[in-house]
Amino acid sequence: MSRIIAGTHKGRRLHAVPTDATRPTSDRVKESLFSRLEGYDALIDAVVVDLFAGSGALGFESLSRGAASAELVDKAEAAHRTLSRNAALFGEVTSVHKADALRYLNGRQGPPIELLFLDPPYQLGEEALAKILAAALPQLHGAATVVVERDEHSPEPSWPEGMVCFQDQRYGSTHIWLAEPT
């Protein structure tokens, strides 16, 4: 079971997706990642989109630390049920969507995304990830932060023209890239 590690909901437990198909972000990785995001002032009042959300841990952590809203997206039925259960626990400004990430971005209507999380299944191919990043670009706020989490052996994502990686970090078997629009 995952938990919120800081902010207004510190310690609150999240329901886990009842399947081995998801890979929750460890508390160690979350703590380091969110410390960086806070240092970049990427959280306060942010519009957050969490693609491949699983339990929604990254979106809910963002809300606990001051984000204005979170859109939680996952196409798996078990993840969708878990996201809905966790959203009901928080009573925060969240919306839960059972959708494919690429289709969601292509049809999304709403304010510009200020913080985008992509934590896809490791088996998602690099070409598919590149298409999702390209679809996200027109949805991004000019000062947005994009977070991509992958396996340590995955190559750096192919950033679309107009997006650049400004930092990456490895945590054991996890590799995180931070990018922004140019």
C-alpha atoms as a PDB file:
ATOM      1  CA  MET A   1       0.000   0.000   0.000  1.00  0.00           C
ATOM      2  CA  SER A   2       1.319   3.405  -1.005  1.00  0.00           C
ATOM      3  CA  ARG A   3       1.103   6.510   1.139  1.00  0.00           C
ATOM      4  CA  ILE A   4       1.335  10.271   0.782  1.00  0.00           C
ATOM      5  CA  ILE A   5       4.744  11.303   2.099  1.00  0.00           C
ATOM      6  CA  ALA A   6       4.315  15.064   2.676  1.00  0.00           C
ATOM      7  CA  GLY A   7       1.901  17.962   2.653  1.00  0.00           C
ATOM      8  CA  THR A   8      -1.653  18.344   3.872  1.00  0.00           C
ATOM      9  CA  HIS A   9      -2.394  14.615   3.531  1.00  0.00           C
ATOM     10  CA  LYS A  10       0.931  13.312   4.838  1.00  0.00           C
ATOM     11  CA  GLY A  11       0.653   9.683   5.929  1.00  0.00           C
ATOM     12  CA  ARG A  12      -2.671   9.036   4.195  1.00  0.00           C
ATOM     13  CA  ARG A  13      -2.725   5.572   2.649  1.00  0.00           C
ATOM     14  CA  LEU A  14      -3.779   4.927  -0.922  1.00  0.00           C
ATOM     15  CA  HIS A  15      -5.498   1.822  -2.210  1.00  0.00           C
ATOM     16  CA  ALA A  16      -3.175  -0.177  -4.438  1.00  0.00           C
ATOM     17  CA  VAL A  17      -4.092  -1.542  -7.847  1.00  0.00           C
ATOM     18  CA  PRO A  18      -4.856  -5.251  -7.262  1.00  0.00           C
ATOM     19  CA  THR A  19      -2.580  -6.566 -10.004  1.00  0.00           C
ATOM     20  CA  ASP A  20       1.080  -7.137 -10.759  1.00  0.00           C
ATOM     21  CA  ALA A  21       0.714  -5.053 -13.931  1.00  0.00           C
ATOM     22  CA  THR A  22       1.502  -1.794 -12.127  1.00  0.00           C
ATOM     23  CA  ARG A  23       4.771  -0.688 -10.582  1.00  0.00           C
ATOM     24  CA  PRO A  24       4.295   1.898  -7.829  1.00  0.00           C
ATOM     25  CA  THR A  25       6.904   4.627  -7.469  1.00  0.00           C
ATOM     26  CA  SER A  26       8.880   3.953  -4.290  1.00  0.00           C
ATOM     27  CA  ASP A  27       8.727   6.407  -1.387  1.00  0.00           C
ATOM     28  CA  ARG A  28      12.460   7.091  -1.817  1.00  0.00           C
ATOM     29  CA  VAL A  29      12.008   8.075  -5.460  1.00  0.00           C
ATOM     30  CA  LYS A  30       8.858  10.109  -4.690  1.00  0.00           C
ATOM     31  CA  GLU A  31      10.589  12.005  -1.904  1.00  0.00           C
ATOM     32  CA  SER A  32      13.561  12.943  -4.068  1.00  0.00           C
ATOM     33  CA  LEU A  33      11.408  13.778  -7.101  1.00  0.00           C
ATOM     34  CA  PHE A  34       8.989  15.963  -5.161  1.00  0.00           C
ATOM     35  CA  SER A  35      11.818  17.767  -3.378  1.00  0.00           C
ATOM     36  CA  ARG A  36      13.119  18.727  -6.810  1.00  0.00           C
ATOM     37  CA  LEU A  37       9.688  19.744  -8.056  1.00  0.00           C
ATOM     38  CA  GLU A  38       9.174  21.925  -4.989  1.00  0.00           C
ATOM     39  CA  GLY A  39      12.592  23.491  -5.595  1.00  0.00           C
ATOM     40  CA  TYR A  40      11.484  24.347  -9.147  1.00  0.00           C
ATOM     41  CA  ASP A  41       8.206  25.792  -7.801  1.00  0.00           C
ATOM     42  CA  ALA A  42       6.361  23.311 -10.021  1.00  0.00           C
ATOM     43  CA  LEU A  43       3.637  22.301  -7.547  1.00  0.00           C
ATOM     44  CA  ILE A  44       1.800  25.250  -6.001  1.00  0.00           C
ATOM     45  CA  ASP A  45      -1.518  25.821  -7.810  1.00  0.00           C
ATOM     46  CA  ALA A  46      -0.393  23.557 -10.683  1.00  0.00           C
ATOM     47  CA  VAL A  47      -2.687  21.807 -13.142  1.00  0.00           C
ATOM     48  CA  VAL A  48      -1.395  18.228 -12.980  1.00  0.00           C
ATOM     49  CA  VAL A  49      -1.968  15.387 -15.417  1.00  0.00           C
ATOM     50  CA  ASP A  50      -0.856  11.916 -14.322  1.00  0.00           C
ATOM     51  CA  LEU A  51      -0.819   9.531 -17.306  1.00  0.00           C
ATOM     52  CA  PHE A  52      -0.536   5.792 -16.640  1.00  0.00           C
ATOM     53  CA  ALA A  53      -1.613   6.804 -13.139  1.00  0.00           C
ATOM     54  CA  GLY A  54      -2.053   3.366 -11.542  1.00  0.00           C
ATOM     55  CA  SER A  55      -3.169   4.215  -7.989  1.00  0.00           C
ATOM     56  CA  GLY A  56      -2.697   7.950  -8.635  1.00  0.00           C
ATOM     57  CA  ALA A  57       0.126   8.252  -6.111  1.00  0.00           C
ATOM     58  CA  LEU A  58       1.966  10.982  -8.056  1.00  0.00           C
ATOM     59  CA  GLY A  59      -1.188  13.008  -8.684  1.00  0.00           C
ATOM     60  CA  PHE A  60      -2.360  12.734  -5.079  1.00  0.00           C
ATOM     61  CA  GLU A  61       1.110  13.594  -3.763  1.00  0.00           C
ATOM     62  CA  SER A  62       0.976  16.709  -5.958  1.00  0.00           C
ATOM     63  CA  LEU A  63      -2.398  17.696  -4.511  1.00  0.00           C
ATOM     64  CA  SER A  64      -1.142  17.162  -0.971  1.00  0.00           C
ATOM     65  CA  ARG A  65       1.740  19.526  -1.725  1.00  0.00           C
ATOM     66  CA  GLY A  66      -0.389  22.336  -3.152  1.00  0.00           C
ATOM     67  CA  ALA A  67      -1.392  21.532  -6.739  1.00  0.00           C
ATOM     68  CA  ALA A  68      -4.718  23.043  -7.809  1.00  0.00           C
ATOM     69  CA  SER A  69      -6.068  19.994  -9.635  1.00  0.00           C
ATOM     70  CA  ALA A  70      -5.116  16.563 -10.922  1.00  0.00           C
ATOM     71  CA  GLU A  71      -6.347  14.626 -13.927  1.00  0.00           C
ATOM     72  CA  LEU A  72      -5.650  10.935 -13.365  1.00  0.00           C
ATOM     73  CA  VAL A  73      -5.576   8.779 -16.492  1.00  0.00           C
ATOM     74  CA  ASP A  74      -5.186   5.019 -16.908  1.00  0.00           C
ATOM     75  CA  LYS A  75      -6.748   2.655 -19.422  1.00  0.00           C
ATOM     76  CA  ALA A  76      -6.689  -0.457 -17.203  1.00  0.00           C
ATOM     77  CA  GLU A  77      -9.998  -1.294 -15.548  1.00  0.00           C
ATOM     78  CA  ALA A  78      -8.376  -2.265 -12.217  1.00  0.00           C
ATOM     79  CA  ALA A  79      -6.414   1.005 -12.149  1.00  0.00           C
ATOM     80  CA  HIS A  80      -9.545   3.017 -12.989  1.00  0.00           C
ATOM     81  CA  ARG A  81     -11.462   1.440 -10.082  1.00  0.00           C
ATOM     82  CA  THR A  82      -8.531   2.104  -7.733  1.00  0.00           C
ATOM     83  CA  LEU A  83      -8.189   5.712  -8.919  1.00  0.00           C
ATOM     84  CA  SER A  84     -11.888   6.278  -8.286  1.00  0.00           C
ATOM     85  CA  ARG A  85     -11.633   4.812  -4.769  1.00  0.00           C
ATOM     86  CA  ASN A  86      -8.592   6.951  -3.940  1.00  0.00           C
ATOM     87  CA  ALA A  87     -10.177  10.100  -5.377  1.00  0.00           C
ATOM     88  CA  ALA A  88     -13.203   9.555  -3.122  1.00  0.00           C
ATOM     89  CA  LEU A  89     -10.875   9.401  -0.087  1.00  0.00           C
ATOM     90  CA  PHE A  90      -9.359  12.771  -0.848  1.00  0.00           C
ATOM     91  CA  GLY A  91     -12.281  14.952  -1.818  1.00  0.00           C
ATOM     92  CA  GLU A  92      -9.753  16.996  -3.783  1.00  0.00           C
ATOM     93  CA  VAL A  93     -10.091  18.570  -7.182  1.00  0.00           C
ATOM     94  CA  THR A  94      -9.491  15.440  -9.214  1.00  0.00           C
ATOM     95  CA  SER A  95     -10.903  13.895 -12.327  1.00  0.00           C
ATOM     96  CA  VAL A  96     -10.457  10.231 -13.133  1.00  0.00           C
ATOM     97  CA  HIS A  97     -10.375   9.044 -16.743  1.00  0.00           C
ATOM     98  CA  LYS A  98     -10.364   5.497 -18.106  1.00  0.00           C
ATOM     99  CA  ALA A  99      -8.517   6.193 -21.329  1.00  0.00           C
ATOM    100  CA  ASP A 100      -5.489   5.492 -23.443  1.00  0.00           C
ATOM    101  CA  ALA A 101      -2.873   8.212 -22.793  1.00  0.00           C
ATOM    102  CA  LEU A 102      -2.483   9.260 -26.429  1.00  0.00           C
ATOM    103  CA  ARG A 103      -6.236   9.440 -27.084  1.00  0.00           C
ATOM    104  CA  TYR A 104      -6.753  11.325 -23.831  1.00  0.00           C
ATOM    105  CA  LEU A 105      -4.211  13.989 -24.760  1.00  0.00           C
ATOM    106  CA  ASN A 106      -5.552  14.314 -28.293  1.00  0.00           C
ATOM    107  CA  GLY A 107      -9.086  14.924 -26.989  1.00  0.00           C
ATOM    108  CA  ARG A 108      -8.259  16.823 -23.801  1.00  0.00           C
ATOM    109  CA  GLN A 109      -9.913  20.169 -23.237  1.00  0.00           C
ATOM    110  CA  GLY A 110      -8.894  22.229 -20.256  1.00  0.00           C
ATOM    111  CA  PRO A 111      -6.302  24.612 -18.930  1.00  0.00           C
ATOM    112  CA  PRO A 112      -2.672  24.133 -19.953  1.00  0.00           C
ATOM    113  CA  ILE A 113      -0.864  21.340 -18.150  1.00  0.00           C
ATOM    114  CA  GLU A 114       1.739  22.676 -15.728  1.00  0.00           C
ATOM    115  CA  LEU A 115       3.010  19.340 -14.396  1.00  0.00           C
ATOM    116  CA  LEU A 116       2.819  16.151 -16.452  1.00  0.00           C
ATOM    117  CA  PHE A 117       3.723  12.708 -15.127  1.00  0.00           C
ATOM    118  CA  LEU A 118       4.362   9.801 -17.490  1.00  0.00           C
ATOM    119  CA  ASP A 119       5.105   6.539 -15.709  1.00  0.00           C
ATOM    120  CA  PRO A 120       4.214   4.051 -18.441  1.00  0.00           C
ATOM    121  CA  PRO A 121       4.610   0.300 -18.223  1.00  0.00           C
ATOM    122  CA  TYR A 122       8.231  -0.528 -18.942  1.00  0.00           C
ATOM    123  CA  GLN A 123       7.180  -2.580 -21.963  1.00  0.00           C
ATOM    124  CA  LEU A 124       5.769   0.533 -23.680  1.00  0.00           C
ATOM    125  CA  GLY A 125       7.975   1.068 -26.721  1.00  0.00           C
ATOM    126  CA  GLU A 126      10.074   4.151 -27.281  1.00  0.00           C
ATOM    127  CA  GLU A 127       8.115   5.090 -30.416  1.00  0.00           C
ATOM    128  CA  ALA A 128       4.817   4.994 -28.518  1.00  0.00           C
ATOM    129  CA  LEU A 129       6.304   7.130 -25.743  1.00  0.00           C
ATOM    130  CA  ALA A 130       7.586   9.637 -28.322  1.00  0.00           C
ATOM    131  CA  LYS A 131       4.081   9.942 -29.803  1.00  0.00           C
ATOM    132  CA  ILE A 132       2.609  10.621 -26.369  1.00  0.00           C
ATOM    133  CA  LEU A 133       5.225  13.283 -25.626  1.00  0.00           C
ATOM    134  CA  ALA A 134       4.524  14.933 -28.996  1.00  0.00           C
ATOM    135  CA  ALA A 135       0.769  14.915 -28.277  1.00  0.00           C
ATOM    136  CA  ALA A 136       1.402  16.456 -24.862  1.00  0.00           C
ATOM    137  CA  LEU A 137       3.472  19.362 -26.157  1.00  0.00           C
ATOM    138  CA  PRO A 138       0.577  21.562 -27.400  1.00  0.00           C
ATOM    139  CA  GLN A 139      -1.232  20.954 -24.084  1.00  0.00           C
ATOM    140  CA  LEU A 140       1.671  22.233 -21.969  1.00  0.00           C
ATOM    141  CA  HIS A 141       1.926  25.580 -20.230  1.00  0.00           C
ATOM    142  CA  GLY A 142       5.027  27.503 -21.297  1.00  0.00           C
ATOM    143  CA  ALA A 143       6.617  26.867 -17.887  1.00  0.00           C
ATOM    144  CA  ALA A 144       5.485  23.235 -17.545  1.00  0.00           C
ATOM    145  CA  THR A 145       7.549  20.409 -16.122  1.00  0.00           C
ATOM    146  CA  VAL A 146       7.333  16.946 -17.682  1.00  0.00           C
ATOM    147  CA  VAL A 147       8.396  13.937 -15.594  1.00  0.00           C
ATOM    148  CA  VAL A 148       9.112  10.610 -17.314  1.00  0.00           C
ATOM    149  CA  GLU A 149       9.808   7.539 -15.174  1.00  0.00           C
ATOM    150  CA  ARG A 150      11.292   4.449 -16.814  1.00  0.00           C
ATOM    151  CA  ASP A 151      13.425   1.396 -16.119  1.00  0.00           C
ATOM    152  CA  GLU A 152      17.138   2.047 -15.562  1.00  0.00           C
ATOM    153  CA  HIS A 153      17.936   0.281 -18.845  1.00  0.00           C
ATOM    154  CA  SER A 154      15.545   2.375 -20.943  1.00  0.00           C
ATOM    155  CA  PRO A 155      17.102   4.898 -23.297  1.00  0.00           C
ATOM    156  CA  GLU A 156      16.411   8.583 -22.854  1.00  0.00           C
ATOM    157  CA  PRO A 157      13.025   9.402 -24.374  1.00  0.00           C
ATOM    158  CA  SER A 158      12.941  10.919 -27.844  1.00  0.00           C
ATOM    159  CA  TRP A 159      11.882  14.443 -26.976  1.00  0.00           C
ATOM    160  CA  PRO A 160       9.743  16.173 -29.593  1.00  0.00           C
ATOM    161  CA  GLU A 161      10.987  19.383 -31.151  1.00  0.00           C
ATOM    162  CA  GLY A 162      10.006  22.091 -28.690  1.00  0.00           C
ATOM    163  CA  MET A 163      10.741  20.019 -25.559  1.00  0.00           C
ATOM    164  CA  VAL A 164      14.112  19.555 -23.889  1.00  0.00           C
ATOM    165  CA  CYS A 165      15.364  17.431 -21.007  1.00  0.00           C
ATOM    166  CA  PHE A 166      16.990  19.538 -18.305  1.00  0.00           C
ATOM    167  CA  GLN A 167      17.764  16.870 -15.715  1.00  0.00           C
ATOM    168  CA  ASP A 168      17.851  13.120 -15.196  1.00  0.00           C
ATOM    169  CA  GLN A 169      18.531  10.937 -12.190  1.00  0.00           C
ATOM    170  CA  ARG A 170      18.771   7.223 -11.432  1.00  0.00           C
ATOM    171  CA  TYR A 171      17.418   5.656  -8.274  1.00  0.00           C
ATOM    172  CA  GLY A 172      18.290   1.961  -8.222  1.00  0.00           C
ATOM    173  CA  SER A 173      16.285   0.392 -11.059  1.00  0.00           C
ATOM    174  CA  THR A 174      14.346   3.618 -11.781  1.00  0.00           C
ATOM    175  CA  HIS A 175      15.402   6.419 -14.124  1.00  0.00           C
ATOM    176  CA  ILE A 176      13.646   9.819 -14.003  1.00  0.00           C
ATOM    177  CA  TRP A 177      13.899  12.499 -16.694  1.00  0.00           C
ATOM    178  CA  LEU A 178      12.649  16.074 -16.232  1.00  0.00           C
ATOM    179  CA  ALA A 179      11.860  18.086 -19.338  1.00  0.00           C
ATOM    180  CA  GLU A 180      10.267  21.402 -20.274  1.00  0.00           C
ATOM    181  CA  PRO A 181       8.949  23.177 -23.343  1.00  0.00           C
ATOM    182  CA  THR A 182      11.437  25.415 -25.111  1.00  0.00           C
END
